[in-house]
N, C-alpha and C. Protein backbone atom coordinates (compact mmCIF):
# COMPACT_ATOMS: atom_id res chain seq x y z
N UNK A 1 112.25 58.27 77.47
CA UNK A 1 112.09 58.48 78.78
C UNK A 1 113.36 58.32 79.41
N UNK A 2 113.98 59.55 80.22
CA UNK A 2 115.60 59.66 81.04
C UNK A 2 115.33 58.97 82.37
N UNK A 3 116.17 58.09 82.43
CA UNK A 3 116.34 57.26 83.95
C UNK A 3 117.37 58.85 84.43
N UNK A 4 117.01 58.74 85.83
CA UNK A 4 117.67 59.88 86.86
C UNK A 4 117.88 58.71 87.64
N UNK A 5 119.13 58.09 87.44
CA UNK A 5 120.03 57.24 88.92
C UNK A 5 120.81 57.60 89.41
N UNK A 6 121.12 58.81 88.73
CA UNK A 6 122.35 59.25 89.06
C UNK A 6 122.25 61.21 89.50
N UNK A 7 122.23 61.60 90.97
CA UNK A 7 122.16 63.06 91.23
C UNK A 7 122.58 64.42 89.76
N UNK A 8 123.85 63.89 89.24
CA UNK A 8 124.31 64.62 88.04
C UNK A 8 123.52 64.46 87.29
N UNK A 9 122.83 63.77 86.98
CA UNK A 9 121.75 63.58 85.73
C UNK A 9 120.70 64.38 85.57
N UNK A 10 120.05 63.94 87.28
CA UNK A 10 118.88 64.55 87.42
C UNK A 10 118.88 66.01 87.50
N UNK A 11 120.68 66.46 87.80
CA UNK A 11 120.71 67.92 88.15
C UNK A 11 120.69 68.63 86.64
N UNK A 12 121.13 67.71 85.64
CA UNK A 12 121.25 68.17 84.45
C UNK A 12 119.80 68.11 83.90
N UNK A 13 119.02 67.76 84.53
CA UNK A 13 117.91 67.50 83.85
C UNK A 13 116.92 69.10 84.40
N UNK A 14 117.42 68.79 85.43
CA UNK A 14 116.43 70.84 86.47
C UNK A 14 117.07 71.45 85.63
N UNK A 15 118.43 71.47 85.18
CA UNK A 15 119.12 72.55 84.89
C UNK A 15 118.52 73.24 82.93
N UNK A 16 118.76 72.02 82.61
CA UNK A 16 118.38 72.18 81.27
C UNK A 16 117.42 71.68 79.85
N UNK A 17 116.72 70.74 80.59
CA UNK A 17 115.34 70.65 79.52
C UNK A 17 113.84 70.54 80.93
N UNK A 18 114.08 70.66 81.93
CA UNK A 18 112.68 70.67 82.71
C UNK A 18 111.97 71.45 82.93
N UNK A 19 110.77 71.98 81.80
CA UNK A 19 109.72 72.59 81.26
C UNK A 19 109.11 72.90 82.47
N UNK A 20 108.99 72.37 84.18
CA UNK A 20 108.05 72.45 85.16
C UNK A 20 109.36 73.89 86.07
N UNK A 21 110.72 74.17 85.65
CA UNK A 21 111.52 74.76 86.59
C UNK A 21 111.66 76.40 85.09
N UNK A 22 111.90 77.45 85.81
CA UNK A 22 112.87 78.17 85.17
C UNK A 22 114.25 79.11 85.94
N UNK A 23 114.64 79.60 85.41
CA UNK A 23 115.61 80.94 86.34
C UNK A 23 114.59 82.36 86.56
N UNK A 24 114.97 82.32 87.78
CA UNK A 24 114.16 83.86 87.70
C UNK A 24 114.78 84.69 87.18
N UNK A 25 114.75 85.94 86.34
CA UNK A 25 116.01 86.68 85.63
C UNK A 25 116.36 87.47 86.32
N UNK A 26 115.46 87.98 87.60
CA UNK A 26 115.78 88.78 88.99
C UNK A 26 117.24 88.63 89.08
N UNK A 27 116.77 87.51 90.39
CA UNK A 27 117.88 86.82 91.17
C UNK A 27 118.81 85.31 90.63
N UNK A 28 117.84 85.02 90.16
CA UNK A 28 119.24 83.78 89.42
C UNK A 28 118.37 82.41 89.60
N UNK A 29 117.87 82.46 90.81
CA UNK A 29 117.24 81.05 91.45
C UNK A 29 116.32 80.04 90.51
N UNK A 30 116.52 79.70 90.76
CA UNK A 30 115.92 77.89 89.96
C UNK A 30 114.26 77.64 90.44
N UNK A 31 113.02 78.00 90.19
CA UNK A 31 111.87 77.94 90.78
C UNK A 31 110.89 76.93 90.30
N UNK A 32 110.09 76.73 90.58
CA UNK A 32 108.76 76.18 89.34
C UNK A 32 108.33 77.52 88.76
N UNK A 33 107.32 77.33 87.35
CA UNK A 33 107.54 77.62 86.43
C UNK A 33 106.07 78.43 87.35
N UNK A 34 105.16 77.63 87.55
CA UNK A 34 103.80 77.60 88.27
C UNK A 34 104.10 79.11 89.60
N UNK A 35 105.27 79.16 90.06
CA UNK A 35 105.58 79.72 91.15
C UNK A 35 105.90 81.40 91.32
N UNK A 36 107.00 81.64 89.44
CA UNK A 36 107.33 82.91 89.39
C UNK A 36 106.61 83.57 90.11
N UNK A 37 105.30 84.20 89.77
CA UNK A 37 104.83 85.30 90.05
C UNK A 37 104.88 85.50 91.75
N UNK A 38 104.79 84.66 92.43
CA UNK A 38 104.34 84.64 93.80
C UNK A 38 106.45 85.14 94.32
N UNK A 39 106.78 84.34 93.65
CA UNK A 39 108.10 84.57 94.13
C UNK A 39 109.01 86.31 94.29
N UNK A 40 108.67 86.43 92.91
CA UNK A 40 108.69 87.52 92.45
C UNK A 40 108.14 88.79 93.17
N UNK A 41 106.91 88.83 93.84
CA UNK A 41 106.38 89.37 94.87
C UNK A 41 106.85 89.25 96.12
N UNK A 42 106.76 87.92 96.49
CA UNK A 42 107.13 87.52 97.82
C UNK A 42 108.41 87.60 98.31
N UNK A 43 109.24 86.66 97.54
CA UNK A 43 110.44 85.78 98.04
C UNK A 43 112.36 86.28 97.75
N UNK A 44 111.62 87.07 96.59
CA UNK A 44 112.83 86.59 95.57
C UNK A 44 114.37 87.85 96.29
N UNK A 45 114.97 87.91 96.59
CA UNK A 45 116.05 89.23 96.74
C UNK A 45 115.91 90.17 96.12
N UNK A 46 115.16 90.61 95.09
CA UNK A 46 115.22 91.60 94.21
C UNK A 46 113.60 92.28 94.02
N UNK A 47 112.22 91.50 95.27
CA UNK A 47 111.45 91.27 95.00
C UNK A 47 110.96 93.48 95.27
N UNK A 48 111.98 94.26 95.57
CA UNK A 48 111.71 95.42 95.56
C UNK A 48 111.38 95.94 93.97
N UNK A 49 111.76 95.08 93.53
CA UNK A 49 112.03 95.99 91.89
C UNK A 49 110.52 95.43 91.34
N UNK A 50 109.73 94.82 91.89
CA UNK A 50 108.43 94.57 91.16
C UNK A 50 107.52 94.63 92.00
N UNK A 51 106.25 94.62 91.00
CA UNK A 51 105.45 95.60 91.70
C UNK A 51 103.88 95.02 91.27
N UNK A 52 102.88 94.33 91.76
CA UNK A 52 101.55 93.41 91.68
C UNK A 52 100.52 94.10 90.43
N UNK A 53 100.38 93.95 89.37
CA UNK A 53 99.36 94.82 88.95
C UNK A 53 98.26 94.07 88.87
N UNK A 54 97.35 95.32 89.63
CA UNK A 54 95.45 95.38 90.10
C UNK A 54 94.71 94.71 89.50
N UNK A 55 94.62 94.87 88.19
CA UNK A 55 94.22 94.42 86.92
C UNK A 55 94.51 92.97 86.94
N UNK A 56 96.08 92.37 85.56
CA UNK A 56 96.18 91.11 85.69
C UNK A 56 96.66 90.36 86.96
N UNK A 57 97.02 90.73 87.73
CA UNK A 57 97.49 90.24 89.28
C UNK A 57 99.06 89.88 88.99
N UNK A 58 99.44 90.21 87.76
CA UNK A 58 101.01 89.34 87.18
C UNK A 58 101.96 90.63 88.02
N UNK A 59 103.49 89.89 88.25
CA UNK A 59 104.57 90.79 88.73
C UNK A 59 104.94 91.17 87.28
N UNK A 60 104.50 92.71 88.14
CA UNK A 60 105.54 93.55 86.92
C UNK A 60 106.90 94.86 87.20
N UNK A 61 107.55 94.98 86.23
CA UNK A 61 109.10 95.22 86.90
C UNK A 61 108.28 97.07 87.18
N UNK A 62 108.73 96.96 88.58
CA UNK A 62 108.86 98.68 88.88
C UNK A 62 108.99 99.78 87.47
N UNK A 63 109.49 99.94 86.98
CA UNK A 63 110.57 100.51 86.04
C UNK A 63 109.33 100.51 84.85
N UNK A 64 108.78 99.68 84.33
CA UNK A 64 107.10 99.53 83.46
C UNK A 64 106.20 99.77 84.00
N UNK A 65 105.50 99.66 85.38
CA UNK A 65 104.95 99.97 86.16
C UNK A 65 103.80 100.70 85.62
N UNK A 66 104.06 101.66 85.72
CA UNK A 66 103.49 102.67 85.16
C UNK A 66 103.53 102.75 83.96
N UNK A 67 103.48 102.45 83.41
CA UNK A 67 102.80 101.81 81.43
C UNK A 67 102.22 101.04 81.47
N UNK A 68 102.91 99.94 82.31
CA UNK A 68 101.87 98.52 82.52
C UNK A 68 100.25 99.63 82.62
N UNK A 69 100.14 99.23 84.02
CA UNK A 69 98.51 99.90 83.76
C UNK A 69 97.95 101.02 83.31
N UNK A 70 98.59 102.03 83.34
CA UNK A 70 98.12 102.76 82.23
C UNK A 70 97.62 102.58 81.07
N UNK A 71 98.48 101.52 80.37
CA UNK A 71 97.83 100.84 78.62
C UNK A 71 96.47 99.86 79.04
N UNK A 72 96.05 99.70 79.78
CA UNK A 72 95.25 98.66 79.99
C UNK A 72 94.56 97.51 79.06
N UNK A 73 96.11 96.83 78.55
CA UNK A 73 96.24 96.00 77.84
C UNK A 73 96.07 95.06 78.29
N UNK A 74 96.56 94.14 79.42
CA UNK A 74 96.67 93.38 79.75
C UNK A 74 95.01 92.19 80.33
N UNK A 75 95.54 91.31 80.71
CA UNK A 75 93.72 91.12 80.42
C UNK A 75 93.55 90.70 81.76
N UNK A 76 92.44 90.71 82.47
CA UNK A 76 92.12 91.08 83.41
C UNK A 76 92.27 89.70 84.50
N UNK A 77 92.27 89.61 85.55
CA UNK A 77 92.11 88.02 86.26
C UNK A 77 91.54 87.71 87.19
N UNK A 78 90.69 86.13 86.37
CA UNK A 78 89.95 85.58 86.71
C UNK A 78 90.29 84.71 87.96
N UNK A 79 89.44 84.68 88.68
CA UNK A 79 89.59 83.45 89.70
C UNK A 79 89.48 81.85 88.78
N UNK A 80 90.02 80.84 89.45
CA UNK A 80 90.30 79.14 88.85
C UNK A 80 88.32 79.15 89.39
N UNK A 81 88.34 78.45 88.08
CA UNK A 81 86.61 78.17 88.52
C UNK A 81 86.67 76.46 88.75
């Protein structure tokens, strides 16, 4: 277990090894992994480059959106039960 008694160690943890955080590949912002999809669709400065698949509800690059949706290879979205 790492101790985060100073902010420098905590910042290094966030940037290097925290499994709960990731960099947005579109804008570089560090965000929670669980919020990445919503970030790309609603908050990202590059949100115009992404569309939501109606089938799986994931954010898909606009460049490959037509290919993604026509392939029907993604898992259909199911609400949490």
